[in-house]
Every structure is written in structure tokens, then in C-alpha cells.
Amino acid sequence: MGSSSQEVVYHHLVHIESHWTTQIQNQQQRNGSIMTVIGVILGFSGFSGAAEFDGQWGEPAATFFGIGLAALAVALLFGLASMWPAVGIKEHDWMKPDKTLKLGTRDSAYTYGHLASSLAGAIGDTHHRRTLIRRRAFMLVEIALTIGGLVALGISIWELLAPPA
């Protein structure tokens, strides 16, 4: 006996929901990794720079160092903004065990049709695509600021190591 069209639609919708959820989770993990690296660089740079530039903040090396730290700090803020929860949460019938059990007493085509309709509504209410796009925009700014901060820190180190003129 073959699958009903409602069953096929339901299983496809489960696959779609799983795909979007996985994309959101993967993006969060990538951003968490980026923020960890920024935090470590910021921590080590801030500690070593405070000792190195004590009383020398007018020099170019110290200026680039300050710019680098500021860029990394702002990058962390963009990282935090991208992690802000934006996926909608709404309980639909397909998430309620008691409703699903009641549906199980009905005709399977009706059950799959009702569950598919509920799941389609849930997928629409979560706004996965919008969340992914918003997070990606914040992450691009975060990465650009990180690169800029690292370049400024590199120039600062270059200035420190350069022989006096």
C-alpha cells in the first residue's frame, strides 16, 4: 500500500523544518566560535597592551593598538546582536502529544493532512529565513571589524618592533 499524498507532504514539511532548524543551529555555532576567538584575542591583547603602553598613549603604536581593541570590542557587540533570539515560538497541534493522539483515532489521510497544515503554519511562524539573513548581516560586520582590529593590532606591533628612525 502506497503513501497518501498528505503523508508525503507531512514528511516533506518535517524535512523542511529540520533543514531550517539545522541552519539556525549551525549559524549560532559558527558565530559562537568567532566570538570565542575575538574574546581570546581581546583578552590577551588588552592585558599585554596595558603593560606595554603604560604612559605612551600618544605614540602611533599605541593609537593603532587602541583602535584595534576598540574594533574587536565592537565586533563582539555585533556578535552578541546576531545571537539575539529571533526565531518565533508558537505551539502548534503537531507539537502537542494529546492532540496528536486524538488525531491518531481518525483516518490517516485526515491525520496527516491536519498535521501537515499545523506544521506548515509553524514553519511560517518561526521566520527562519529572516533570522538567518539578519544574523548573517551582523556576522559580516563582526568579521569585518575583527579583520580591521587585527590589522590595527598588527600595525601596532610593527610600529613597536620597528627600529627608531
N, C-alpha and C. Protein backbone atom coordinates (compact mmCIF):
# COMPACT_ATOMS: atom_id res chain seq x y z
N MET A 1 0.84 -1.19 0.00
CA MET A 1 0.00 0.00 0.00
C MET A 1 0.89 1.25 0.00
N GLY A 2 0.65 2.16 -0.90
CA GLY A 2 1.48 3.36 -1.03
C GLY A 2 1.11 4.44 -0.03
N SER A 3 1.94 5.43 0.05
CA SER A 3 1.72 6.55 0.95
C SER A 3 0.69 7.49 0.37
N SER A 4 -0.11 8.08 1.25
CA SER A 4 -1.07 9.08 0.78
C SER A 4 -0.33 10.38 0.48
N SER A 5 -0.95 11.21 -0.31
CA SER A 5 -0.30 12.48 -0.65
C SER A 5 -0.13 13.34 0.61
N GLN A 6 -1.09 13.25 1.56
CA GLN A 6 -0.96 14.01 2.80
C GLN A 6 0.25 13.53 3.61
N GLU A 7 0.51 12.21 3.59
CA GLU A 7 1.65 11.67 4.31
C GLU A 7 2.95 12.16 3.69
N VAL A 8 3.01 12.17 2.36
CA VAL A 8 4.20 12.65 1.66
C VAL A 8 4.44 14.12 1.98
N VAL A 9 3.38 14.91 1.94
CA VAL A 9 3.50 16.34 2.23
C VAL A 9 3.97 16.53 3.67
N TYR A 10 3.39 15.80 4.60
CA TYR A 10 3.78 15.92 6.00
C TYR A 10 5.26 15.61 6.18
N HIS A 11 5.72 14.51 5.62
CA HIS A 11 7.14 14.14 5.79
C HIS A 11 8.06 15.15 5.11
N HIS A 12 7.63 15.70 4.00
CA HIS A 12 8.44 16.73 3.35
C HIS A 12 8.50 17.99 4.22
N LEU A 13 7.39 18.35 4.84
CA LEU A 13 7.39 19.52 5.73
C LEU A 13 8.28 19.28 6.95
N VAL A 14 8.29 18.07 7.48
CA VAL A 14 9.20 17.75 8.59
C VAL A 14 10.64 17.95 8.14
N HIS A 15 10.94 17.52 6.92
CA HIS A 15 12.30 17.70 6.38
C HIS A 15 12.64 19.19 6.24
N ILE A 16 11.70 19.98 5.76
CA ILE A 16 11.93 21.43 5.61
C ILE A 16 12.19 22.06 6.98
N GLU A 17 11.36 21.74 7.96
CA GLU A 17 11.53 22.31 9.29
C GLU A 17 12.88 21.90 9.88
N SER A 18 13.26 20.67 9.70
CA SER A 18 14.55 20.18 10.18
C SER A 18 15.71 20.92 9.50
N HIS A 19 15.57 21.16 8.20
CA HIS A 19 16.60 21.89 7.45
C HIS A 19 16.79 23.29 8.03
N TRP A 20 15.69 24.03 8.21
CA TRP A 20 15.80 25.40 8.72
C TRP A 20 16.37 25.42 10.13
N THR A 21 15.92 24.50 10.97
CA THR A 21 16.43 24.45 12.34
C THR A 21 17.93 24.16 12.36
N THR A 22 18.37 23.25 11.52
CA THR A 22 19.80 22.93 11.43
C THR A 22 20.59 24.14 10.96
N GLN A 23 20.07 24.87 9.99
CA GLN A 23 20.76 26.07 9.51
C GLN A 23 20.93 27.10 10.63
N ILE A 24 19.89 27.31 11.40
CA ILE A 24 19.95 28.26 12.52
C ILE A 24 20.98 27.80 13.55
N GLN A 25 20.96 26.52 13.89
CA GLN A 25 21.91 26.00 14.88
C GLN A 25 23.35 26.09 14.38
N ASN A 26 23.57 25.75 13.11
CA ASN A 26 24.93 25.84 12.55
C ASN A 26 25.44 27.28 12.57
N GLN A 27 24.56 28.21 12.23
CA GLN A 27 24.96 29.62 12.22
C GLN A 27 25.32 30.08 13.63
N GLN A 28 24.54 29.64 14.63
CA GLN A 28 24.84 30.00 16.01
C GLN A 28 26.19 29.43 16.44
N GLN A 29 26.48 28.21 16.05
CA GLN A 29 27.77 27.60 16.42
C GLN A 29 28.93 28.34 15.77
N ARG A 30 28.78 28.70 14.49
CA ARG A 30 29.85 29.45 13.82
C ARG A 30 30.08 30.78 14.51
N ASN A 31 29.00 31.46 14.83
CA ASN A 31 29.15 32.76 15.47
C ASN A 31 29.74 32.61 16.87
N GLY A 32 29.36 31.59 17.58
CA GLY A 32 29.94 31.35 18.90
C GLY A 32 31.44 31.13 18.81
N SER A 33 31.88 30.41 17.77
CA SER A 33 33.31 30.18 17.57
C SER A 33 34.04 31.49 17.27
N ILE A 34 33.45 32.30 16.41
CA ILE A 34 34.05 33.59 16.06
C ILE A 34 34.17 34.47 17.31
N MET A 35 33.11 34.50 18.11
CA MET A 35 33.12 35.33 19.31
C MET A 35 34.15 34.84 20.32
N THR A 36 34.35 33.54 20.40
CA THR A 36 35.36 33.00 21.31
C THR A 36 36.75 33.46 20.89
N VAL A 37 37.04 33.37 19.60
CA VAL A 37 38.35 33.81 19.10
C VAL A 37 38.55 35.30 19.36
N ILE A 38 37.54 36.09 19.08
CA ILE A 38 37.64 37.54 19.33
C ILE A 38 37.90 37.80 20.81
N GLY A 39 37.17 37.11 21.67
CA GLY A 39 37.33 37.31 23.11
C GLY A 39 38.72 36.95 23.59
N VAL A 40 39.27 35.85 23.08
CA VAL A 40 40.63 35.45 23.48
C VAL A 40 41.65 36.49 23.01
N ILE A 41 41.53 36.91 21.75
CA ILE A 41 42.46 37.93 21.22
C ILE A 41 42.34 39.23 22.01
N LEU A 42 41.10 39.62 22.28
CA LEU A 42 40.86 40.86 23.02
C LEU A 42 41.45 40.76 24.43
N GLY A 43 41.26 39.62 25.08
CA GLY A 43 41.77 39.44 26.43
C GLY A 43 43.29 39.49 26.49
N PHE A 44 43.94 38.72 25.61
CA PHE A 44 45.41 38.71 25.61
C PHE A 44 45.98 40.05 25.18
N SER A 45 45.38 40.65 24.17
CA SER A 45 45.88 41.94 23.68
C SER A 45 45.71 43.03 24.73
N GLY A 46 44.56 43.05 25.35
CA GLY A 46 44.31 44.07 26.37
C GLY A 46 45.26 43.95 27.54
N PHE A 47 45.52 42.74 27.97
CA PHE A 47 46.43 42.52 29.10
C PHE A 47 47.86 42.92 28.74
N SER A 48 48.34 42.44 27.59
CA SER A 48 49.73 42.74 27.21
C SER A 48 49.90 44.20 26.82
N GLY A 49 48.90 44.77 26.21
CA GLY A 49 48.99 46.17 25.78
C GLY A 49 48.97 47.14 26.95
N ALA A 50 48.23 46.81 27.98
CA ALA A 50 48.19 47.69 29.14
C ALA A 50 49.58 47.82 29.76
N ALA A 51 50.32 46.73 29.77
CA ALA A 51 51.69 46.77 30.32
C ALA A 51 52.64 47.46 29.34
N GLU A 52 52.50 47.21 28.07
CA GLU A 52 53.42 47.74 27.05
C GLU A 52 53.28 49.24 26.85
N PHE A 53 52.04 49.73 26.86
CA PHE A 53 51.81 51.13 26.50
C PHE A 53 51.56 52.02 27.71
N ASP A 54 51.90 51.59 28.86
CA ASP A 54 51.67 52.39 30.06
C ASP A 54 52.37 53.74 29.93
N GLY A 55 51.59 54.79 29.82
CA GLY A 55 52.13 56.15 29.72
C GLY A 55 52.61 56.55 28.34
N GLN A 56 52.41 55.73 27.32
CA GLN A 56 52.91 56.05 25.97
C GLN A 56 51.76 56.18 24.97
N TRP A 57 50.60 56.60 25.39
CA TRP A 57 49.43 56.55 24.52
C TRP A 57 49.43 57.58 23.40
N GLY A 58 50.36 58.46 23.34
CA GLY A 58 50.39 59.43 22.24
C GLY A 58 51.11 58.91 21.02
N GLU A 59 51.81 57.82 21.13
CA GLU A 59 52.60 57.28 20.03
C GLU A 59 51.71 56.53 19.03
N PRO A 60 52.15 56.45 17.75
CA PRO A 60 51.34 55.76 16.74
C PRO A 60 51.04 54.31 17.10
N ALA A 61 52.00 53.60 17.67
CA ALA A 61 51.77 52.19 18.02
C ALA A 61 50.62 52.07 19.02
N ALA A 62 50.61 52.96 19.99
CA ALA A 62 49.55 52.93 21.00
C ALA A 62 48.21 53.31 20.39
N THR A 63 48.21 54.25 19.45
CA THR A 63 46.97 54.66 18.79
C THR A 63 46.38 53.50 18.00
N PHE A 64 47.21 52.82 17.21
CA PHE A 64 46.72 51.66 16.45
C PHE A 64 46.28 50.54 17.39
N PHE A 65 46.97 50.40 18.50
CA PHE A 65 46.59 49.39 19.48
C PHE A 65 45.19 49.69 20.03
N GLY A 66 44.96 50.93 20.38
CA GLY A 66 43.64 51.33 20.89
C GLY A 66 42.55 51.14 19.85
N ILE A 67 42.84 51.49 18.60
CA ILE A 67 41.87 51.29 17.52
C ILE A 67 41.57 49.79 17.36
N GLY A 68 42.60 48.97 17.41
CA GLY A 68 42.42 47.53 17.27
C GLY A 68 41.54 46.96 18.38
N LEU A 69 41.80 47.36 19.62
CA LEU A 69 40.98 46.88 20.73
C LEU A 69 39.54 47.35 20.61
N ALA A 70 39.36 48.60 20.21
CA ALA A 70 38.00 49.13 20.05
C ALA A 70 37.24 48.37 18.96
N ALA A 71 37.91 48.10 17.84
CA ALA A 71 37.26 47.37 16.75
C ALA A 71 36.87 45.97 17.20
N LEU A 72 37.74 45.30 17.95
CA LEU A 72 37.41 43.96 18.45
C LEU A 72 36.25 44.00 19.44
N ALA A 73 36.22 45.01 20.28
CA ALA A 73 35.13 45.14 21.25
C ALA A 73 33.79 45.37 20.54
N VAL A 74 33.80 46.22 19.53
CA VAL A 74 32.56 46.47 18.77
C VAL A 74 32.17 45.21 17.99
N ALA A 75 33.15 44.47 17.50
CA ALA A 75 32.86 43.21 16.80
C ALA A 75 32.14 42.25 17.73
N LEU A 76 32.55 42.19 18.98
CA LEU A 76 31.85 41.34 19.95
C LEU A 76 30.41 41.78 20.14
N LEU A 77 30.19 43.09 20.15
CA LEU A 77 28.81 43.59 20.29
C LEU A 77 27.94 43.15 19.10
N PHE A 78 28.51 43.21 17.89
CA PHE A 78 27.77 42.74 16.72
C PHE A 78 27.53 41.23 16.80
N GLY A 79 28.49 40.51 17.35
CA GLY A 79 28.30 39.08 17.54
C GLY A 79 27.16 38.79 18.50
N LEU A 80 27.12 39.54 19.59
CA LEU A 80 26.02 39.37 20.53
C LEU A 80 24.68 39.73 19.90
N ALA A 81 24.66 40.80 19.12
CA ALA A 81 23.42 41.19 18.45
C ALA A 81 22.94 40.11 17.49
N SER A 82 23.88 39.44 16.83
CA SER A 82 23.47 38.39 15.89
C SER A 82 22.93 37.16 16.62
N MET A 83 23.27 37.00 17.88
CA MET A 83 22.79 35.85 18.65
C MET A 83 21.42 36.11 19.30
N TRP A 84 20.93 37.34 19.17
CA TRP A 84 19.66 37.68 19.80
C TRP A 84 18.57 36.73 19.28
N PRO A 85 17.80 36.11 20.18
CA PRO A 85 16.77 35.16 19.73
C PRO A 85 15.71 35.86 18.87
N ALA A 86 15.52 35.36 17.67
CA ALA A 86 14.54 35.96 16.78
C ALA A 86 13.64 34.93 16.11
N VAL A 87 13.85 33.66 16.43
CA VAL A 87 13.00 32.63 15.85
C VAL A 87 11.72 32.59 16.66
N GLY A 88 10.60 32.73 15.97
CA GLY A 88 9.31 32.73 16.66
C GLY A 88 9.02 31.39 17.31
N ILE A 89 8.35 31.46 18.45
CA ILE A 89 7.96 30.24 19.16
C ILE A 89 6.45 30.28 19.34
N LYS A 90 5.80 29.30 18.77
CA LYS A 90 4.37 29.21 18.90
C LYS A 90 4.02 27.73 18.89
N GLU A 91 3.20 27.30 19.83
CA GLU A 91 2.86 25.89 19.91
C GLU A 91 1.72 25.57 18.94
N HIS A 92 2.00 24.65 18.05
CA HIS A 92 1.01 24.20 17.08
C HIS A 92 0.59 22.77 17.42
N ASP A 93 -0.49 22.31 16.79
CA ASP A 93 -1.02 20.97 17.08
C ASP A 93 0.02 19.87 16.90
N TRP A 94 0.91 20.00 15.93
CA TRP A 94 1.87 18.94 15.69
C TRP A 94 2.87 18.80 16.82
N MET A 95 2.90 19.80 17.74
CA MET A 95 3.82 19.75 18.88
C MET A 95 3.11 19.31 20.17
N LYS A 96 1.81 19.06 20.11
CA LYS A 96 1.05 18.71 21.30
C LYS A 96 0.72 17.22 21.27
N PRO A 97 1.34 16.44 22.16
CA PRO A 97 1.11 14.99 22.14
C PRO A 97 -0.36 14.60 22.30
N ASP A 98 -1.10 15.31 23.17
CA ASP A 98 -2.50 14.94 23.38
C ASP A 98 -3.33 15.14 22.11
N LYS A 99 -3.07 16.22 21.38
CA LYS A 99 -3.81 16.46 20.12
C LYS A 99 -3.42 15.41 19.07
N THR A 100 -2.13 15.08 19.04
CA THR A 100 -1.66 14.09 18.07
C THR A 100 -2.29 12.73 18.36
N LEU A 101 -2.39 12.38 19.63
CA LEU A 101 -3.03 11.11 19.99
C LEU A 101 -4.49 11.09 19.58
N LYS A 102 -5.20 12.20 19.77
CA LYS A 102 -6.61 12.28 19.36
C LYS A 102 -6.72 12.15 17.84
N LEU A 103 -5.76 12.76 17.13
CA LEU A 103 -5.78 12.66 15.67
C LEU A 103 -5.54 11.23 15.22
N GLY A 104 -4.79 10.48 16.03
CA GLY A 104 -4.49 9.10 15.68
C GLY A 104 -5.71 8.20 15.60
N THR A 105 -6.80 8.63 16.18
CA THR A 105 -8.04 7.83 16.11
C THR A 105 -8.80 8.10 14.81
N ARG A 106 -8.38 9.08 14.05
CA ARG A 106 -9.06 9.45 12.80
C ARG A 106 -8.43 8.71 11.62
N ASP A 107 -9.00 8.96 10.49
CA ASP A 107 -8.48 8.43 9.23
C ASP A 107 -7.05 8.96 9.02
N SER A 108 -6.14 8.09 8.53
CA SER A 108 -4.73 8.51 8.40
C SER A 108 -4.56 9.67 7.44
N ALA A 109 -5.34 9.72 6.38
CA ALA A 109 -5.22 10.84 5.44
C ALA A 109 -5.62 12.15 6.13
N TYR A 110 -6.67 12.10 6.93
CA TYR A 110 -7.08 13.29 7.67
C TYR A 110 -6.00 13.69 8.67
N THR A 111 -5.45 12.69 9.39
CA THR A 111 -4.42 12.96 10.40
C THR A 111 -3.21 13.61 9.76
N TYR A 112 -2.71 13.02 8.68
CA TYR A 112 -1.54 13.61 8.01
C TYR A 112 -1.87 14.99 7.45
N GLY A 113 -3.04 15.16 6.91
CA GLY A 113 -3.44 16.46 6.38
C GLY A 113 -3.46 17.52 7.47
N HIS A 114 -4.05 17.17 8.63
CA HIS A 114 -4.13 18.13 9.74
C HIS A 114 -2.73 18.45 10.29
N LEU A 115 -1.92 17.41 10.48
CA LEU A 115 -0.56 17.63 10.97
C LEU A 115 0.27 18.45 9.99
N ALA A 116 0.12 18.17 8.69
CA ALA A 116 0.85 18.93 7.67
C ALA A 116 0.44 20.39 7.70
N SER A 117 -0.84 20.64 7.84
CA SER A 117 -1.33 22.02 7.89
C SER A 117 -0.78 22.73 9.13
N SER A 118 -0.77 22.05 10.27
CA SER A 118 -0.24 22.64 11.50
C SER A 118 1.26 22.90 11.38
N LEU A 119 1.98 21.94 10.82
CA LEU A 119 3.42 22.08 10.66
C LEU A 119 3.77 23.21 9.69
N ALA A 120 3.01 23.33 8.61
CA ALA A 120 3.24 24.42 7.65
C ALA A 120 3.05 25.78 8.33
N GLY A 121 2.04 25.88 9.19
CA GLY A 121 1.84 27.12 9.94
C GLY A 121 2.98 27.41 10.88
N ALA A 122 3.49 26.35 11.52
CA ALA A 122 4.62 26.52 12.44
C ALA A 122 5.87 26.99 11.71
N ILE A 123 6.13 26.41 10.55
CA ILE A 123 7.30 26.81 9.77
C ILE A 123 7.18 28.28 9.37
N GLY A 124 6.00 28.71 8.99
CA GLY A 124 5.79 30.12 8.63
C GLY A 124 5.95 31.06 9.80
N ASP A 125 5.54 30.62 10.99
CA ASP A 125 5.59 31.48 12.18
C ASP A 125 6.98 31.65 12.75
N THR A 126 7.91 30.77 12.43
CA THR A 126 9.23 30.83 13.05
C THR A 126 10.17 31.82 12.37
N HIS A 127 9.91 32.19 11.14
CA HIS A 127 10.71 33.20 10.43
C HIS A 127 12.18 32.82 10.35
N HIS A 128 12.47 31.57 10.05
CA HIS A 128 13.86 31.11 9.97
C HIS A 128 14.67 31.91 8.95
N ARG A 129 14.10 32.08 7.77
CA ARG A 129 14.85 32.77 6.70
C ARG A 129 15.22 34.18 7.11
N ARG A 130 14.27 34.91 7.67
CA ARG A 130 14.52 36.28 8.11
C ARG A 130 15.60 36.31 9.19
N THR A 131 15.55 35.36 10.10
CA THR A 131 16.55 35.29 11.17
C THR A 131 17.93 35.01 10.61
N LEU A 132 18.02 34.07 9.67
CA LEU A 132 19.31 33.76 9.06
C LEU A 132 19.91 34.96 8.34
N ILE A 133 19.09 35.68 7.61
CA ILE A 133 19.57 36.85 6.86
C ILE A 133 20.03 37.95 7.82
N ARG A 134 19.25 38.20 8.87
CA ARG A 134 19.61 39.23 9.85
C ARG A 134 20.92 38.87 10.54
N ARG A 135 21.03 37.62 10.96
CA ARG A 135 22.25 37.18 11.63
C ARG A 135 23.45 37.27 10.70
N ARG A 136 23.25 36.89 9.45
CA ARG A 136 24.37 36.93 8.50
C ARG A 136 24.87 38.37 8.34
N ALA A 137 23.96 39.33 8.29
CA ALA A 137 24.38 40.73 8.16
C ALA A 137 25.21 41.16 9.37
N PHE A 138 24.75 40.81 10.58
CA PHE A 138 25.52 41.15 11.77
C PHE A 138 26.87 40.45 11.78
N MET A 139 26.89 39.19 11.35
CA MET A 139 28.15 38.44 11.35
C MET A 139 29.14 39.00 10.34
N LEU A 140 28.66 39.50 9.20
CA LEU A 140 29.56 40.11 8.22
C LEU A 140 30.23 41.36 8.80
N VAL A 141 29.45 42.18 9.50
CA VAL A 141 30.03 43.36 10.15
C VAL A 141 31.01 42.92 11.24
N GLU A 142 30.63 41.89 12.00
CA GLU A 142 31.50 41.37 13.05
C GLU A 142 32.84 40.90 12.48
N ILE A 143 32.80 40.17 11.38
CA ILE A 143 34.03 39.67 10.76
C ILE A 143 34.86 40.81 10.19
N ALA A 144 34.20 41.79 9.55
CA ALA A 144 34.93 42.94 9.01
C ALA A 144 35.63 43.72 10.13
N LEU A 145 34.93 43.93 11.24
CA LEU A 145 35.54 44.64 12.37
C LEU A 145 36.69 43.83 12.97
N THR A 146 36.54 42.52 13.00
CA THR A 146 37.61 41.67 13.51
C THR A 146 38.85 41.79 12.64
N ILE A 147 38.66 41.73 11.35
CA ILE A 147 39.79 41.87 10.42
C ILE A 147 40.44 43.24 10.60
N GLY A 148 39.62 44.29 10.66
CA GLY A 148 40.15 45.64 10.87
C GLY A 148 40.90 45.75 12.18
N GLY A 149 40.35 45.16 13.24
CA GLY A 149 41.02 45.19 14.54
C GLY A 149 42.34 44.45 14.52
N LEU A 150 42.38 43.30 13.85
CA LEU A 150 43.63 42.55 13.76
C LEU A 150 44.68 43.30 12.93
N VAL A 151 44.24 43.96 11.87
CA VAL A 151 45.17 44.76 11.07
C VAL A 151 45.74 45.90 11.93
N ALA A 152 44.89 46.57 12.68
CA ALA A 152 45.36 47.66 13.54
C ALA A 152 46.32 47.14 14.61
N LEU A 153 46.02 45.98 15.18
CA LEU A 153 46.95 45.40 16.17
C LEU A 153 48.26 45.02 15.51
N GLY A 154 48.19 44.50 14.28
CA GLY A 154 49.41 44.17 13.54
C GLY A 154 50.27 45.39 13.27
N ILE A 155 49.64 46.50 12.88
CA ILE A 155 50.38 47.75 12.66
C ILE A 155 51.01 48.22 13.96
N SER A 156 50.27 48.08 15.05
CA SER A 156 50.79 48.47 16.36
C SER A 156 52.05 47.67 16.71
N ILE A 157 52.00 46.37 16.47
CA ILE A 157 53.17 45.53 16.74
C ILE A 157 54.32 45.91 15.81
N TRP A 158 54.00 46.16 14.57
CA TRP A 158 55.01 46.57 13.58
C TRP A 158 55.70 47.85 14.05
N GLU A 159 54.91 48.81 14.50
CA GLU A 159 55.45 50.08 14.99
C GLU A 159 56.34 49.87 16.23
N LEU A 160 55.95 48.95 17.08
CA LEU A 160 56.75 48.68 18.28
C LEU A 160 58.09 48.04 17.93
N LEU A 161 58.07 47.15 16.95
CA LEU A 161 59.28 46.40 16.59
C LEU A 161 60.20 47.14 15.62
N ALA A 162 59.67 48.17 14.97
CA ALA A 162 60.47 48.92 14.00
C ALA A 162 61.59 49.67 14.73
N PRO A 163 62.78 49.65 14.14
CA PRO A 163 63.88 50.39 14.79
C PRO A 163 63.60 51.89 14.75
N PRO A 164 64.02 52.61 15.77
CA PRO A 164 63.78 54.06 15.79
C PRO A 164 64.50 54.75 14.62
N ALA A 165 63.85 55.78 14.10
CA ALA A 165 64.41 56.49 12.94
C ALA A 165 65.48 57.47 13.34
